[in-house]
Amino acid sequence: MTTLNYFKLSTLKTNDRLFVPLIGILSVVVPLVVAFLLFADKPATEIFGDVSFLPTLNAIINSTVSVLLVLGLVFIKQKKIHLHRFVMMSAFVLSCIFLVSYIVYHYGAESIPYNGTGAARIIYLVILLTHILLSVAIVPLALFSIYRAFTKQFERHKKITRWAWPIWLYVSVTGVIVYLMAHVYNPPV
């Protein structure tokens, strides 16, 4: 089988034997790497320089991903498959860029604690906890959704996206909310 034929994804059994374990490995490795880097000793700031702009960039990326996800739903309902594919892949690429930026920021800077109290603190912690847990869940869901679409397994793609799409949207929207609460509306100590 030539490389070109292989990447046409013509034989699902062969491709599933490669891509399903790969997605499984990525689904475990990505959260573990993020967790390790978040809890590892922080390097000197000389490695990355000033990373203070990254939370704002990440919020912009998350906002853009949210808009793209909504557009993706609109386009698929309108049967505009090419536009749907374009915006969904754009959302995926931006999410990957976000992940790298997020890791760089949290590896190169200290975390900013939320200083709110009472109900505001509880709301922040609930949003943050659900955001973190669902961001781990979206890794395999998004990867399997994309894989099923590219392999033209559209029924399986639809089944996965019934879960993946709202979770991905929730994660991207709550990412912006966490940013606003921790970096913009964080009351002083």
C-alpha atoms as a PDB file:
ATOM      1  CA  MET A   1       0.000   0.000   0.000  1.00  0.00           C
ATOM      2  CA  THR A   2       1.457   3.355  -0.950  1.00  0.00           C
ATOM      3  CA  THR A   3       1.641   6.184   1.523  1.00  0.00           C
ATOM      4  CA  LEU A   4      -0.849   8.163  -0.550  1.00  0.00           C
ATOM      5  CA  ASN A   5      -3.399   5.352  -0.464  1.00  0.00           C
ATOM      6  CA  TYR A   6      -2.865   4.898   3.252  1.00  0.00           C
ATOM      7  CA  PHE A   7      -3.644   8.523   3.974  1.00  0.00           C
ATOM      8  CA  LYS A   8      -6.777   8.345   1.852  1.00  0.00           C
ATOM      9  CA  LEU A   9      -7.999   6.271   4.798  1.00  0.00           C
ATOM     10  CA  SER A  10      -9.453   3.648   2.496  1.00  0.00           C
ATOM     11  CA  THR A  11      -9.212   0.671   4.824  1.00  0.00           C
ATOM     12  CA  LEU A  12     -10.829   1.398   8.169  1.00  0.00           C
ATOM     13  CA  LYS A  13      -9.593  -1.705   9.996  1.00  0.00           C
ATOM     14  CA  THR A  14      -5.975  -0.916   9.170  1.00  0.00           C
ATOM     15  CA  ASN A  15      -6.423   2.743  10.041  1.00  0.00           C
ATOM     16  CA  ASP A  16      -8.289   1.999  13.261  1.00  0.00           C
ATOM     17  CA  ARG A  17      -5.418  -0.252  14.371  1.00  0.00           C
ATOM     18  CA  LEU A  18      -3.100   2.737  14.021  1.00  0.00           C
ATOM     19  CA  PHE A  19      -5.199   5.759  14.902  1.00  0.00           C
ATOM     20  CA  VAL A  20      -7.390   4.466  17.741  1.00  0.00           C
ATOM     21  CA  PRO A  21      -4.389   3.540  19.942  1.00  0.00           C
ATOM     22  CA  LEU A  22      -2.655   6.783  18.916  1.00  0.00           C
ATOM     23  CA  ILE A  23      -5.697   8.801  20.013  1.00  0.00           C
ATOM     24  CA  GLY A  24      -5.778   6.808  23.251  1.00  0.00           C
ATOM     25  CA  ILE A  25      -2.107   7.509  23.920  1.00  0.00           C
ATOM     26  CA  LEU A  26      -2.510  11.233  23.177  1.00  0.00           C
ATOM     27  CA  SER A  27      -5.588  11.354  25.411  1.00  0.00           C
ATOM     28  CA  VAL A  28      -3.481  10.162  28.341  1.00  0.00           C
ATOM     29  CA  VAL A  29      -0.149  11.797  27.518  1.00  0.00           C
ATOM     30  CA  VAL A  30      -1.422  15.345  26.842  1.00  0.00           C
ATOM     31  CA  PRO A  31      -3.119  15.794  30.262  1.00  0.00           C
ATOM     32  CA  LEU A  32      -0.185  14.131  32.038  1.00  0.00           C
ATOM     33  CA  VAL A  33       2.337  16.429  30.340  1.00  0.00           C
ATOM     34  CA  VAL A  34       0.224  19.476  31.166  1.00  0.00           C
ATOM     35  CA  ALA A  35      -0.122  18.371  34.807  1.00  0.00           C
ATOM     36  CA  PHE A  36       3.593  17.614  35.079  1.00  0.00           C
ATOM     37  CA  LEU A  37       4.593  20.983  33.643  1.00  0.00           C
ATOM     38  CA  LEU A  38       2.128  22.827  35.873  1.00  0.00           C
ATOM     39  CA  PHE A  39       3.514  21.214  39.018  1.00  0.00           C
ATOM     40  CA  ALA A  40       7.189  21.075  37.992  1.00  0.00           C
ATOM     41  CA  ASP A  41       9.715  23.500  39.357  1.00  0.00           C
ATOM     42  CA  LYS A  42       9.444  26.751  37.452  1.00  0.00           C
ATOM     43  CA  PRO A  43      12.441  27.680  35.298  1.00  0.00           C
ATOM     44  CA  ALA A  44      14.058  31.044  35.305  1.00  0.00           C
ATOM     45  CA  THR A  45      12.094  33.592  33.288  1.00  0.00           C
ATOM     46  CA  GLU A  46      15.008  33.826  30.840  1.00  0.00           C
ATOM     47  CA  ILE A  47      13.792  30.670  29.113  1.00  0.00           C
ATOM     48  CA  PHE A  48      10.555  32.228  27.852  1.00  0.00           C
ATOM     49  CA  GLY A  49      11.010  35.880  28.696  1.00  0.00           C
ATOM     50  CA  ASP A  50       7.968  37.943  29.575  1.00  0.00           C
ATOM     51  CA  VAL A  51       4.900  35.718  29.253  1.00  0.00           C
ATOM     52  CA  SER A  52       2.469  38.084  30.960  1.00  0.00           C
ATOM     53  CA  PHE A  53       0.599  38.685  27.674  1.00  0.00           C
ATOM     54  CA  LEU A  54      -0.252  34.997  27.213  1.00  0.00           C
ATOM     55  CA  PRO A  55      -3.372  34.848  29.444  1.00  0.00           C
ATOM     56  CA  THR A  56      -4.938  37.594  27.334  1.00  0.00           C
ATOM     57  CA  LEU A  57      -3.895  35.824  24.130  1.00  0.00           C
ATOM     58  CA  ASN A  58      -5.341  32.570  25.485  1.00  0.00           C
ATOM     59  CA  ALA A  59      -8.658  34.274  26.264  1.00  0.00           C
ATOM     60  CA  ILE A  60      -8.758  35.670  22.731  1.00  0.00           C
ATOM     61  CA  ILE A  61      -8.028  32.207  21.331  1.00  0.00           C
ATOM     62  CA  ASN A  62     -10.740  30.642  23.517  1.00  0.00           C
ATOM     63  CA  SER A  63     -13.230  33.321  22.467  1.00  0.00           C
ATOM     64  CA  THR A  64     -12.415  32.700  18.818  1.00  0.00           C
ATOM     65  CA  VAL A  65     -12.755  28.930  19.279  1.00  0.00           C
ATOM     66  CA  SER A  66     -16.176  29.476  20.874  1.00  0.00           C
ATOM     67  CA  VAL A  67     -17.335  31.512  17.870  1.00  0.00           C
ATOM     68  CA  LEU A  68     -15.925  28.924  15.457  1.00  0.00           C
ATOM     69  CA  LEU A  69     -17.698  26.092  17.273  1.00  0.00           C
ATOM     70  CA  VAL A  70     -21.028  27.901  17.021  1.00  0.00           C
ATOM     71  CA  LEU A  71     -20.377  28.614  13.341  1.00  0.00           C
ATOM     72  CA  GLY A  72     -19.519  24.960  12.821  1.00  0.00           C
ATOM     73  CA  LEU A  73     -22.901  23.949  14.207  1.00  0.00           C
ATOM     74  CA  VAL A  74     -24.682  26.542  12.064  1.00  0.00           C
ATOM     75  CA  PHE A  75     -22.848  25.438   8.918  1.00  0.00           C
ATOM     76  CA  ILE A  76     -23.530  21.741   9.414  1.00  0.00           C
ATOM     77  CA  LYS A  77     -27.217  22.424  10.019  1.00  0.00           C
ATOM     78  CA  GLN A  78     -27.224  24.418   6.759  1.00  0.00           C
ATOM     79  CA  LYS A  79     -25.434  21.475   5.053  1.00  0.00           C
ATOM     80  CA  LYS A  80     -22.449  23.701   4.212  1.00  0.00           C
ATOM     81  CA  ILE A  81     -19.995  20.858   4.694  1.00  0.00           C
ATOM     82  CA  HIS A  82     -16.867  22.658   3.415  1.00  0.00           C
ATOM     83  CA  LEU A  83     -17.464  25.657   5.689  1.00  0.00           C
ATOM     84  CA  HIS A  84     -18.223  23.331   8.605  1.00  0.00           C
ATOM     85  CA  ARG A  85     -14.999  21.409   8.036  1.00  0.00           C
ATOM     86  CA  PHE A  86     -12.992  24.626   7.694  1.00  0.00           C
ATOM     87  CA  VAL A  87     -14.247  26.258  10.895  1.00  0.00           C
ATOM     88  CA  MET A  88     -14.028  23.047  12.910  1.00  0.00           C
ATOM     89  CA  MET A  89     -10.447  22.399  11.812  1.00  0.00           C
ATOM     90  CA  SER A  90      -9.662  26.053  12.535  1.00  0.00           C
ATOM     91  CA  ALA A  91     -11.095  25.590  16.030  1.00  0.00           C
ATOM     92  CA  PHE A  92      -8.954  22.483  16.475  1.00  0.00           C
ATOM     93  CA  VAL A  93      -5.757  24.193  15.281  1.00  0.00           C
ATOM     94  CA  LEU A  94      -6.423  27.199  17.513  1.00  0.00           C
ATOM     95  CA  SER A  95      -7.047  24.858  20.447  1.00  0.00           C
ATOM     96  CA  CYS A  96      -3.660  23.242  19.817  1.00  0.00           C
ATOM     97  CA  ILE A  97      -2.026  26.688  19.716  1.00  0.00           C
ATOM     98  CA  PHE A  98      -3.849  27.526  22.943  1.00  0.00           C
ATOM     99  CA  LEU A  99      -2.506  24.366  24.582  1.00  0.00           C
ATOM    100  CA  VAL A 100       1.091  25.275  23.721  1.00  0.00           C
ATOM    101  CA  SER A 101       0.589  28.870  24.881  1.00  0.00           C
ATOM    102  CA  TYR A 102      -1.080  27.689  28.087  1.00  0.00           C
ATOM    103  CA  ILE A 103       1.815  25.349  28.878  1.00  0.00           C
ATOM    104  CA  VAL A 104       4.412  28.026  28.133  1.00  0.00           C
ATOM    105  CA  TYR A 105       2.628  30.533  30.381  1.00  0.00           C
ATOM    106  CA  HIS A 106       2.129  28.186  33.309  1.00  0.00           C
ATOM    107  CA  TYR A 107       5.642  26.801  33.012  1.00  0.00           C
ATOM    108  CA  GLY A 108       7.192  30.248  32.730  1.00  0.00           C
ATOM    109  CA  ALA A 109       5.098  32.159  35.291  1.00  0.00           C
ATOM    110  CA  GLU A 110       3.585  31.632  38.687  1.00  0.00           C
ATOM    111  CA  SER A 111      -0.132  30.958  38.839  1.00  0.00           C
ATOM    112  CA  ILE A 112      -2.326  33.859  39.854  1.00  0.00           C
ATOM    113  CA  PRO A 113      -4.560  32.975  42.795  1.00  0.00           C
ATOM    114  CA  TYR A 114      -8.160  34.129  42.766  1.00  0.00           C
ATOM    115  CA  ASN A 115      -8.695  36.547  45.656  1.00  0.00           C
ATOM    116  CA  GLY A 116     -12.476  36.652  45.704  1.00  0.00           C
ATOM    117  CA  THR A 117     -14.351  35.469  48.759  1.00  0.00           C
ATOM    118  CA  GLY A 118     -17.734  34.011  49.576  1.00  0.00           C
ATOM    119  CA  ALA A 119     -20.061  33.131  46.709  1.00  0.00           C
ATOM    120  CA  ALA A 120     -17.699  34.601  44.080  1.00  0.00           C
ATOM    121  CA  ARG A 121     -14.922  32.263  45.197  1.00  0.00           C
ATOM    122  CA  ILE A 122     -17.224  29.234  45.182  1.00  0.00           C
ATOM    123  CA  ILE A 123     -18.468  30.120  41.683  1.00  0.00           C
ATOM    124  CA  TYR A 124     -14.881  30.571  40.485  1.00  0.00           C
ATOM    125  CA  LEU A 125     -13.756  27.238  41.931  1.00  0.00           C
ATOM    126  CA  VAL A 126     -16.754  25.346  40.499  1.00  0.00           C
ATOM    127  CA  ILE A 127     -16.162  26.866  37.060  1.00  0.00           C
ATOM    128  CA  LEU A 128     -12.421  26.187  37.283  1.00  0.00           C
ATOM    129  CA  LEU A 129     -12.867  22.580  38.432  1.00  0.00           C
ATOM    130  CA  THR A 130     -15.428  21.722  35.746  1.00  0.00           C
ATOM    131  CA  HIS A 131     -13.300  23.515  33.154  1.00  0.00           C
ATOM    132  CA  ILE A 132     -10.222  21.461  34.076  1.00  0.00           C
ATOM    133  CA  LEU A 133     -12.036  18.117  34.210  1.00  0.00           C
ATOM    134  CA  LEU A 134     -13.867  18.664  30.937  1.00  0.00           C
ATOM    135  CA  SER A 135     -10.723  19.947  29.209  1.00  0.00           C
ATOM    136  CA  VAL A 136      -9.209  16.524  29.895  1.00  0.00           C
ATOM    137  CA  ALA A 137     -12.326  14.814  28.518  1.00  0.00           C
ATOM    138  CA  ILE A 138     -12.378  16.885  25.328  1.00  0.00           C
ATOM    139  CA  VAL A 139      -8.992  15.600  24.163  1.00  0.00           C
ATOM    140  CA  PRO A 140     -10.179  12.110  23.144  1.00  0.00           C
ATOM    141  CA  LEU A 141     -13.645  13.339  22.163  1.00  0.00           C
ATOM    142  CA  ALA A 142     -12.296  15.956  19.746  1.00  0.00           C
ATOM    143  CA  LEU A 143      -9.648  13.623  18.334  1.00  0.00           C
ATOM    144  CA  PHE A 144     -12.120  10.785  17.763  1.00  0.00           C
ATOM    145  CA  SER A 145     -14.644  13.198  16.283  1.00  0.00           C
ATOM    146  CA  ILE A 146     -12.094  14.510  13.793  1.00  0.00           C
ATOM    147  CA  TYR A 147     -10.846  11.016  13.003  1.00  0.00           C
ATOM    148  CA  ARG A 148     -14.365   9.698  12.370  1.00  0.00           C
ATOM    149  CA  ALA A 149     -15.113  12.648  10.068  1.00  0.00           C
ATOM    150  CA  PHE A 150     -11.910  12.176   8.064  1.00  0.00           C
ATOM    151  CA  THR A 151     -12.568   8.460   7.699  1.00  0.00           C
ATOM    152  CA  LYS A 152     -16.098   9.245   6.507  1.00  0.00           C
ATOM    153  CA  GLN A 153     -17.662   7.397   9.433  1.00  0.00           C
ATOM    154  CA  PHE A 154     -20.291  10.096   9.688  1.00  0.00           C
ATOM    155  CA  GLU A 155     -22.751   8.220  11.899  1.00  0.00           C
ATOM    156  CA  ARG A 156     -20.012   7.579  14.453  1.00  0.00           C
ATOM    157  CA  HIS A 157     -18.850  11.186  14.008  1.00  0.00           C
ATOM    158  CA  LYS A 158     -22.363  12.432  14.822  1.00  0.00           C
ATOM    159  CA  LYS A 159     -22.594  10.224  17.922  1.00  0.00           C
ATOM    160  CA  ILE A 160     -19.308  11.543  19.273  1.00  0.00           C
ATOM    161  CA  THR A 161     -20.004  15.180  18.465  1.00  0.00           C
ATOM    162  CA  ARG A 162     -23.276  15.072  20.408  1.00  0.00           C
ATOM    163  CA  TRP A 163     -20.996  14.946  23.445  1.00  0.00           C
ATOM    164  CA  ALA A 164     -17.836  16.576  22.124  1.00  0.00           C
ATOM    165  CA  TRP A 165     -19.357  19.779  20.759  1.00  0.00           C
ATOM    166  CA  PRO A 166     -21.103  21.006  23.954  1.00  0.00           C
ATOM    167  CA  ILE A 167     -18.149  19.986  26.122  1.00  0.00           C
ATOM    168  CA  TRP A 168     -15.679  21.746  23.823  1.00  0.00           C
ATOM    169  CA  LEU A 169     -17.871  24.859  23.788  1.00  0.00           C
ATOM    170  CA  TYR A 170     -18.181  24.770  27.582  1.00  0.00           C
ATOM    171  CA  VAL A 171     -14.408  24.436  27.984  1.00  0.00           C
ATOM    172  CA  SER A 172     -13.675  27.321  25.617  1.00  0.00           C
ATOM    173  CA  VAL A 173     -16.303  29.635  27.177  1.00  0.00           C
ATOM    174  CA  THR A 174     -15.324  28.809  30.753  1.00  0.00           C
ATOM    175  CA  GLY A 175     -11.679  29.375  29.809  1.00  0.00           C
ATOM    176  CA  VAL A 176     -12.596  32.986  29.066  1.00  0.00           C
ATOM    177  CA  ILE A 177     -14.605  33.249  32.297  1.00  0.00           C
ATOM    178  CA  VAL A 178     -11.690  31.884  34.347  1.00  0.00           C
ATOM    179  CA  TYR A 179      -9.384  34.406  32.659  1.00  0.00           C
ATOM    180  CA  LEU A 180     -11.757  37.289  33.400  1.00  0.00           C
ATOM    181  CA  MET A 181     -12.179  36.256  37.038  1.00  0.00           C
ATOM    182  CA  ALA A 182      -8.478  35.586  37.712  1.00  0.00           C
ATOM    183  CA  HIS A 183      -6.828  38.274  35.596  1.00  0.00           C
ATOM    184  CA  VAL A 184      -9.344  41.085  35.110  1.00  0.00           C
ATOM    185  CA  TYR A 185     -11.910  41.073  37.931  1.00  0.00           C
ATOM    186  CA  ASN A 186      -9.685  39.594  40.624  1.00  0.00           C
ATOM    187  CA  PRO A 187     -10.120  41.705  43.749  1.00  0.00           C
ATOM    188  CA  PRO A 188      -6.926  42.767  45.495  1.00  0.00           C
ATOM    189  CA  VAL A 189      -5.785  40.869  48.576  1.00  0.00           C
END
